[in-house]
PDB file of all heavy atoms in Angstrom:
ATOM      1  N   LEU A   1     -42.377 -35.648 -28.163  1.00  0.00           N
ATOM      2  CA  LEU A   1     -43.632 -35.490 -28.986  1.00  0.00           C
ATOM      3  C   LEU A   1     -43.852 -33.973 -29.083  1.00  0.00           C
ATOM      4  O   LEU A   1     -44.252 -33.505 -30.166  1.00  0.00           O
ATOM      5  CB  LEU A   1     -44.714 -36.184 -28.281  1.00  0.00           C
ATOM      6  CG  LEU A   1     -46.147 -35.901 -28.968  1.00  0.00           C
ATOM      7  CD1 LEU A   1     -46.083 -36.500 -30.407  1.00  0.00           C
ATOM      8  CD2 LEU A   1     -47.223 -36.605 -28.176  1.00  0.00           C
ATOM      9  N   ARG A   2     -43.602 -33.282 -28.031  1.00  0.00           N
ATOM     10  CA  ARG A   2     -43.741 -31.778 -28.079  1.00  0.00           C
ATOM     11  C   ARG A   2     -42.875 -31.125 -29.106  1.00  0.00           C
ATOM     12  O   ARG A   2     -43.161 -30.312 -29.964  1.00  0.00           O
ATOM     13  CB  ARG A   2     -43.673 -31.170 -26.698  1.00  0.00           C
ATOM     14  CG  ARG A   2     -43.855 -29.692 -26.707  1.00  0.00           C
ATOM     15  CD  ARG A   2     -44.101 -29.024 -25.398  1.00  0.00           C
ATOM     16  NE  ARG A   2     -42.980 -29.061 -24.464  1.00  0.00           N
ATOM     17  CZ  ARG A   2     -42.999 -28.403 -23.275  1.00  0.00           C
ATOM     18  NH1 ARG A   2     -44.099 -27.810 -22.864  1.00  0.00           N
ATOM     19  NH2 ARG A   2     -41.925 -28.479 -22.608  1.00  0.00           N
ATOM     20  N   LEU A   3     -41.610 -31.614 -29.128  1.00  0.00           N
ATOM     21  CA  LEU A   3     -40.584 -31.033 -30.078  1.00  0.00           C
ATOM     22  C   LEU A   3     -41.015 -31.421 -31.485  1.00  0.00           C
ATOM     23  O   LEU A   3     -40.898 -30.566 -32.362  1.00  0.00           O
ATOM     24  CB  LEU A   3     -39.302 -31.598 -29.625  1.00  0.00           C
ATOM     25  CG  LEU A   3     -38.531 -31.127 -28.377  1.00  0.00           C
ATOM     26  CD1 LEU A   3     -37.305 -31.901 -28.089  1.00  0.00           C
ATOM     27  CD2 LEU A   3     -38.303 -29.565 -28.433  1.00  0.00           C
ATOM     28  N   VAL A   4     -41.385 -32.646 -31.720  1.00  0.00           N
ATOM     29  CA  VAL A   4     -41.784 -33.043 -32.969  1.00  0.00           C
ATOM     30  C   VAL A   4     -43.009 -32.420 -33.534  1.00  0.00           C
ATOM     31  O   VAL A   4     -43.097 -31.977 -34.679  1.00  0.00           O
ATOM     32  CB  VAL A   4     -41.958 -34.548 -33.062  1.00  0.00           C
ATOM     33  CG1 VAL A   4     -42.494 -35.110 -34.462  1.00  0.00           C
ATOM     34  CG2 VAL A   4     -40.621 -35.331 -32.930  1.00  0.00           C
ATOM     35  N   ARG A   5     -43.982 -32.161 -32.761  1.00  0.00           N
ATOM     36  CA  ARG A   5     -45.152 -31.361 -33.113  1.00  0.00           C
ATOM     37  C   ARG A   5     -44.853 -30.096 -33.522  1.00  0.00           C
ATOM     38  O   ARG A   5     -45.341 -29.429 -34.452  1.00  0.00           O
ATOM     39  CB  ARG A   5     -46.245 -31.395 -32.050  1.00  0.00           C
ATOM     40  CG  ARG A   5     -46.883 -32.748 -31.924  1.00  0.00           C
ATOM     41  CD  ARG A   5     -47.928 -32.803 -30.810  1.00  0.00           C
ATOM     42  NE  ARG A   5     -48.860 -33.930 -30.762  1.00  0.00           N
ATOM     43  CZ  ARG A   5     -49.726 -34.294 -29.870  1.00  0.00           C
ATOM     44  NH1 ARG A   5     -49.729 -33.511 -28.846  1.00  0.00           N
ATOM     45  NH2 ARG A   5     -50.369 -35.507 -29.886  1.00  0.00           N
ATOM     46  N   ALA A   6     -43.967 -29.440 -32.810  1.00  0.00           N
ATOM     47  CA  ALA A   6     -43.509 -27.998 -33.045  1.00  0.00           C
ATOM     48  C   ALA A   6     -42.902 -27.980 -34.403  1.00  0.00           C
ATOM     49  O   ALA A   6     -43.141 -27.002 -35.190  1.00  0.00           O
ATOM     50  CB  ALA A   6     -42.685 -27.463 -31.966  1.00  0.00           C
ATOM     51  N   GLU A   7     -42.019 -28.880 -34.584  1.00  0.00           N
ATOM     52  CA  GLU A   7     -41.129 -28.889 -35.847  1.00  0.00           C
ATOM     53  C   GLU A   7     -42.238 -29.219 -36.982  1.00  0.00           C
ATOM     54  O   GLU A   7     -42.055 -28.690 -38.136  1.00  0.00           O
ATOM     55  CB  GLU A   7     -40.073 -29.872 -35.804  1.00  0.00           C
ATOM     56  CG  GLU A   7     -39.034 -29.667 -36.869  1.00  0.00           C
ATOM     57  CD  GLU A   7     -38.209 -28.403 -36.734  1.00  0.00           C
ATOM     58  OE1 GLU A   7     -38.172 -27.877 -35.583  1.00  0.00           O
ATOM     59  OE2 GLU A   7     -37.784 -27.822 -37.719  1.00  0.00           O
ATOM     60  N   ARG A   8     -43.175 -30.104 -36.810  1.00  0.00           N
ATOM     61  CA  ARG A   8     -44.149 -30.408 -37.971  1.00  0.00           C
ATOM     62  C   ARG A   8     -44.958 -29.088 -38.195  1.00  0.00           C
ATOM     63  O   ARG A   8     -45.117 -28.978 -39.425  1.00  0.00           O
ATOM     64  CB  ARG A   8     -45.093 -31.518 -37.370  1.00  0.00           C
ATOM     65  CG  ARG A   8     -46.152 -31.916 -38.269  1.00  0.00           C
ATOM     66  CD  ARG A   8     -46.799 -33.051 -37.668  1.00  0.00           C
ATOM     67  NE  ARG A   8     -47.944 -33.363 -38.537  1.00  0.00           N
ATOM     68  CZ  ARG A   8     -49.243 -33.197 -38.434  1.00  0.00           C
ATOM     69  NH1 ARG A   8     -49.615 -32.380 -37.400  1.00  0.00           N
ATOM     70  NH2 ARG A   8     -50.175 -33.545 -39.228  1.00  0.00           N
ATOM     71  N   THR A   9     -45.203 -28.368 -37.285  1.00  0.00           N
ATOM     72  CA  THR A   9     -45.991 -27.165 -37.419  1.00  0.00           C
ATOM     73  C   THR A   9     -45.257 -26.245 -38.393  1.00  0.00           C
ATOM     74  O   THR A   9     -45.661 -25.565 -39.345  1.00  0.00           O
ATOM     75  CB  THR A   9     -46.426 -26.501 -36.124  1.00  0.00           C
ATOM     76  OG1 THR A   9     -47.261 -27.396 -35.496  1.00  0.00           O
ATOM     77  CG2 THR A   9     -47.197 -25.243 -36.426  1.00  0.00           C
ATOM     78  N   LYS A  10     -43.892 -26.032 -37.985  1.00  0.00           N
ATOM     79  CA  LYS A  10     -43.006 -25.233 -38.802  1.00  0.00           C
ATOM     80  C   LYS A  10     -42.958 -25.657 -40.189  1.00  0.00           C
ATOM     81  O   LYS A  10     -42.922 -24.929 -41.217  1.00  0.00           O
ATOM     82  CB  LYS A  10     -41.619 -25.168 -38.117  1.00  0.00           C
ATOM     83  CG  LYS A  10     -41.551 -24.426 -36.917  1.00  0.00           C
ATOM     84  CD  LYS A  10     -40.037 -24.432 -36.372  1.00  0.00           C
ATOM     85  CE  LYS A  10     -39.964 -24.064 -34.923  1.00  0.00           C
ATOM     86  NZ  LYS A  10     -38.677 -24.158 -34.355  1.00  0.00           N
ATOM     87  N   SER A  11     -42.764 -26.946 -40.456  1.00  0.00           N
ATOM     88  CA  SER A  11     -42.656 -27.550 -41.725  1.00  0.00           C
ATOM     89  C   SER A  11     -44.005 -27.350 -42.507  1.00  0.00           C
ATOM     90  O   SER A  11     -43.976 -26.947 -43.733  1.00  0.00           O
ATOM     91  CB  SER A  11     -42.438 -29.002 -41.741  1.00  0.00           C
ATOM     92  OG  SER A  11     -41.108 -29.352 -41.092  1.00  0.00           O
ATOM     93  N   TYR A  12     -45.169 -27.489 -41.860  1.00  0.00           N
ATOM     94  CA  TYR A  12     -46.446 -27.069 -42.421  1.00  0.00           C
ATOM     95  C   TYR A  12     -46.519 -25.791 -42.929  1.00  0.00           C
ATOM     96  O   TYR A  12     -46.837 -25.402 -44.122  1.00  0.00           O
ATOM     97  CB  TYR A  12     -47.492 -27.573 -41.547  1.00  0.00           C
ATOM     98  CG  TYR A  12     -48.950 -27.351 -42.182  1.00  0.00           C
ATOM     99  CD1 TYR A  12     -49.371 -28.155 -43.110  1.00  0.00           C
ATOM    100  CD2 TYR A  12     -49.699 -26.142 -41.896  1.00  0.00           C
ATOM    101  CE1 TYR A  12     -50.642 -28.030 -43.642  1.00  0.00           C
ATOM    102  CE2 TYR A  12     -50.896 -25.962 -42.474  1.00  0.00           C
ATOM    103  CZ  TYR A  12     -51.308 -26.934 -43.313  1.00  0.00           C
ATOM    104  OH  TYR A  12     -52.530 -26.608 -43.903  1.00  0.00           O
ATOM    105  N   ASP A  13     -46.282 -24.908 -42.035  1.00  0.00           N
ATOM    106  CA  ASP A  13     -46.140 -23.439 -42.282  1.00  0.00           C
ATOM    107  C   ASP A  13     -45.372 -23.049 -43.610  1.00  0.00           C
ATOM    108  O   ASP A  13     -45.728 -22.310 -44.309  1.00  0.00           O
ATOM    109  CB  ASP A  13     -45.839 -22.597 -41.125  1.00  0.00           C
ATOM    110  CG  ASP A  13     -46.847 -22.660 -39.995  1.00  0.00           C
ATOM    111  OD1 ASP A  13     -47.965 -23.110 -40.314  1.00  0.00           O
ATOM    112  OD2 ASP A  13     -46.523 -22.290 -38.913  1.00  0.00           O
ATOM    113  N   LEU A  14     -44.128 -23.691 -43.583  1.00  0.00           N
ATOM    114  CA  LEU A  14     -43.215 -23.353 -44.690  1.00  0.00           C
ATOM    115  C   LEU A  14     -43.858 -23.960 -46.012  1.00  0.00           C
ATOM    116  O   LEU A  14     -43.860 -23.369 -47.066  1.00  0.00           O
ATOM    117  CB  LEU A  14     -41.830 -24.150 -44.435  1.00  0.00           C
ATOM    118  CG  LEU A  14     -40.899 -24.169 -45.601  1.00  0.00           C
ATOM    119  CD1 LEU A  14     -40.486 -22.643 -46.074  1.00  0.00           C
ATOM    120  CD2 LEU A  14     -39.606 -24.840 -45.287  1.00  0.00           C
ATOM    121  N   MET A  15     -44.357 -25.151 -45.937  1.00  0.00           N
ATOM    122  CA  MET A  15     -44.966 -25.842 -47.085  1.00  0.00           C
ATOM    123  C   MET A  15     -46.189 -24.990 -47.629  1.00  0.00           C
ATOM    124  O   MET A  15     -46.211 -24.726 -48.773  1.00  0.00           O
ATOM    125  CB  MET A  15     -45.530 -27.254 -46.688  1.00  0.00           C
ATOM    126  CG  MET A  15     -46.092 -28.066 -47.904  1.00  0.00           C
ATOM    127  SD  MET A  15     -46.609 -29.650 -47.326  1.00  0.00           S
ATOM    128  CE  MET A  15     -48.073 -29.306 -46.289  1.00  0.00           C
ATOM    129  N   ARG A  16     -46.939 -24.489 -46.744  1.00  0.00           N
ATOM    130  CA  ARG A  16     -48.040 -23.583 -47.198  1.00  0.00           C
ATOM    131  C   ARG A  16     -47.666 -22.332 -47.808  1.00  0.00           C
ATOM    132  O   ARG A  16     -48.172 -21.814 -48.782  1.00  0.00           O
ATOM    133  CB  ARG A  16     -49.081 -23.454 -46.108  1.00  0.00           C
ATOM    134  CG  ARG A  16     -49.734 -24.688 -45.565  1.00  0.00           C
ATOM    135  CD  ARG A  16     -50.551 -25.485 -46.589  1.00  0.00           C
ATOM    136  NE  ARG A  16     -51.704 -24.570 -47.121  1.00  0.00           N
ATOM    137  CZ  ARG A  16     -52.305 -24.683 -48.227  1.00  0.00           C
ATOM    138  NH1 ARG A  16     -51.976 -25.571 -49.020  1.00  0.00           N
ATOM    139  NH2 ARG A  16     -53.268 -23.893 -48.401  1.00  0.00           N
ATOM    140  N   THR A  17     -46.591 -21.793 -47.160  1.00  0.00           N
ATOM    141  CA  THR A  17     -46.086 -20.439 -47.704  1.00  0.00           C
ATOM    142  C   THR A  17     -45.571 -20.683 -49.059  1.00  0.00           C
ATOM    143  O   THR A  17     -45.789 -19.808 -49.958  1.00  0.00           O
ATOM    144  CB  THR A  17     -45.026 -19.955 -46.817  1.00  0.00           C
ATOM    145  OG1 THR A  17     -45.564 -19.714 -45.473  1.00  0.00           O
ATOM    146  CG2 THR A  17     -44.417 -18.617 -47.168  1.00  0.00           C
ATOM    147  N   VAL A  18     -44.788 -21.738 -49.255  1.00  0.00           N
ATOM    148  CA  VAL A  18     -44.365 -22.114 -50.662  1.00  0.00           C
ATOM    149  C   VAL A  18     -45.372 -22.324 -51.643  1.00  0.00           C
ATOM    150  O   VAL A  18     -45.416 -21.854 -52.768  1.00  0.00           O
ATOM    151  CB  VAL A  18     -43.239 -23.234 -50.605  1.00  0.00           C
ATOM    152  CG1 VAL A  18     -42.971 -23.612 -51.919  1.00  0.00           C
ATOM    153  CG2 VAL A  18     -42.057 -22.792 -49.780  1.00  0.00           C
ATOM    154  N   GLN A  19     -46.436 -23.005 -51.265  1.00  0.00           N
ATOM    155  CA  GLN A  19     -47.515 -23.349 -52.163  1.00  0.00           C
ATOM    156  C   GLN A  19     -48.404 -22.136 -52.445  1.00  0.00           C
ATOM    157  O   GLN A  19     -48.933 -22.041 -53.545  1.00  0.00           O
ATOM    158  CB  GLN A  19     -48.373 -24.476 -51.538  1.00  0.00           C
ATOM    159  CG  GLN A  19     -47.765 -25.903 -51.443  1.00  0.00           C
ATOM    160  CD  GLN A  19     -48.648 -26.750 -50.661  1.00  0.00           C
ATOM    161  OE1 GLN A  19     -49.489 -26.426 -49.921  1.00  0.00           O
ATOM    162  NE2 GLN A  19     -48.320 -28.085 -50.906  1.00  0.00           N
ATOM    163  N   LYS A  20     -48.479 -21.169 -51.534  1.00  0.00           N
ATOM    164  CA  LYS A  20     -49.326 -20.109 -51.734  1.00  0.00           C
ATOM    165  C   LYS A  20     -48.662 -18.863 -52.300  1.00  0.00           C
ATOM    166  O   LYS A  20     -49.233 -17.773 -52.421  1.00  0.00           O
ATOM    167  CB  LYS A  20     -50.075 -19.653 -50.461  1.00  0.00           C
ATOM    168  CG  LYS A  20     -51.046 -20.647 -50.027  1.00  0.00           C
ATOM    169  CD  LYS A  20     -51.780 -20.106 -48.746  1.00  0.00           C
ATOM    170  CE  LYS A  20     -52.845 -20.925 -48.372  1.00  0.00           C
ATOM    171  NZ  LYS A  20     -53.695 -20.463 -47.241  1.00  0.00           N
ATOM    172  N   ALA A  21     -47.459 -19.007 -52.792  1.00  0.00           N
ATOM    173  CA  ALA A  21     -46.669 -17.952 -53.289  1.00  0.00           C
ATOM    174  C   ALA A  21     -47.309 -17.469 -54.600  1.00  0.00           C
ATOM    175  O   ALA A  21     -47.797 -18.279 -55.263  1.00  0.00           O
ATOM    176  CB  ALA A  21     -45.269 -18.451 -53.538  1.00  0.00           C
ATOM    177  N   PRO A  22     -47.278 -16.126 -54.882  1.00  0.00           N
ATOM    178  CA  PRO A  22     -47.861 -15.686 -56.156  1.00  0.00           C
ATOM    179  C   PRO A  22     -47.272 -16.421 -57.300  1.00  0.00           C
ATOM    180  O   PRO A  22     -46.001 -16.730 -57.328  1.00  0.00           O
ATOM    181  CB  PRO A  22     -47.514 -14.146 -56.014  1.00  0.00           C
ATOM    182  CG  PRO A  22     -47.166 -13.941 -54.663  1.00  0.00           C
ATOM    183  CD  PRO A  22     -46.620 -15.112 -53.949  1.00  0.00           C
ATOM    184  N   GLU A  23     -47.984 -16.422 -58.408  1.00  0.00           N
ATOM    185  CA  GLU A  23     -47.467 -17.195 -59.625  1.00  0.00           C
ATOM    186  C   GLU A  23     -46.324 -16.437 -60.209  1.00  0.00           C
ATOM    187  O   GLU A  23     -45.579 -17.024 -60.896  1.00  0.00           O
ATOM    188  CB  GLU A  23     -48.694 -17.322 -60.576  1.00  0.00           C
ATOM    189  CG  GLU A  23     -49.670 -18.250 -60.179  1.00  0.00           C
ATOM    190  CD  GLU A  23     -50.761 -18.464 -61.107  1.00  0.00           C
ATOM    191  OE1 GLU A  23     -50.558 -18.239 -62.261  1.00  0.00           O
ATOM    192  OE2 GLU A  23     -51.894 -18.848 -60.775  1.00  0.00           O
ATOM    193  N   ASP A  24     -46.157 -15.197 -60.111  1.00  0.00           N
ATOM    194  CA  ASP A  24     -45.098 -14.502 -60.648  1.00  0.00           C
ATOM    195  C   ASP A  24     -43.758 -14.713 -59.904  1.00  0.00           C
ATOM    196  O   ASP A  24     -42.765 -14.416 -60.444  1.00  0.00           O
ATOM    197  CB  ASP A  24     -45.419 -12.927 -60.903  1.00  0.00           C
ATOM    198  CG  ASP A  24     -45.670 -12.287 -59.486  1.00  0.00           C
ATOM    199  OD1 ASP A  24     -46.108 -12.908 -58.491  1.00  0.00           O
ATOM    200  OD2 ASP A  24     -45.454 -11.055 -59.359  1.00  0.00           O
ATOM    201  N   VAL A  25     -43.814 -15.165 -58.733  1.00  0.00           N
ATOM    202  CA  VAL A  25     -42.637 -15.575 -57.958  1.00  0.00           C
ATOM    203  C   VAL A  25     -42.138 -16.965 -58.401  1.00  0.00           C
ATOM    204  O   VAL A  25     -42.979 -17.958 -58.272  1.00  0.00           O
ATOM    205  CB  VAL A  25     -42.857 -15.413 -56.515  1.00  0.00           C
ATOM    206  CG1 VAL A  25     -41.631 -15.904 -55.754  1.00  0.00           C
ATOM    207  CG2 VAL A  25     -43.150 -14.060 -56.211  1.00  0.00           C
TER     208      VAL A  25
END
């Protein structure tokens, strides 16, 4: 569970980074 939660957090951070990328990128 600890490993899955850590990986889920990484996936969430990646998803948010991609979603919040500037429009010109």
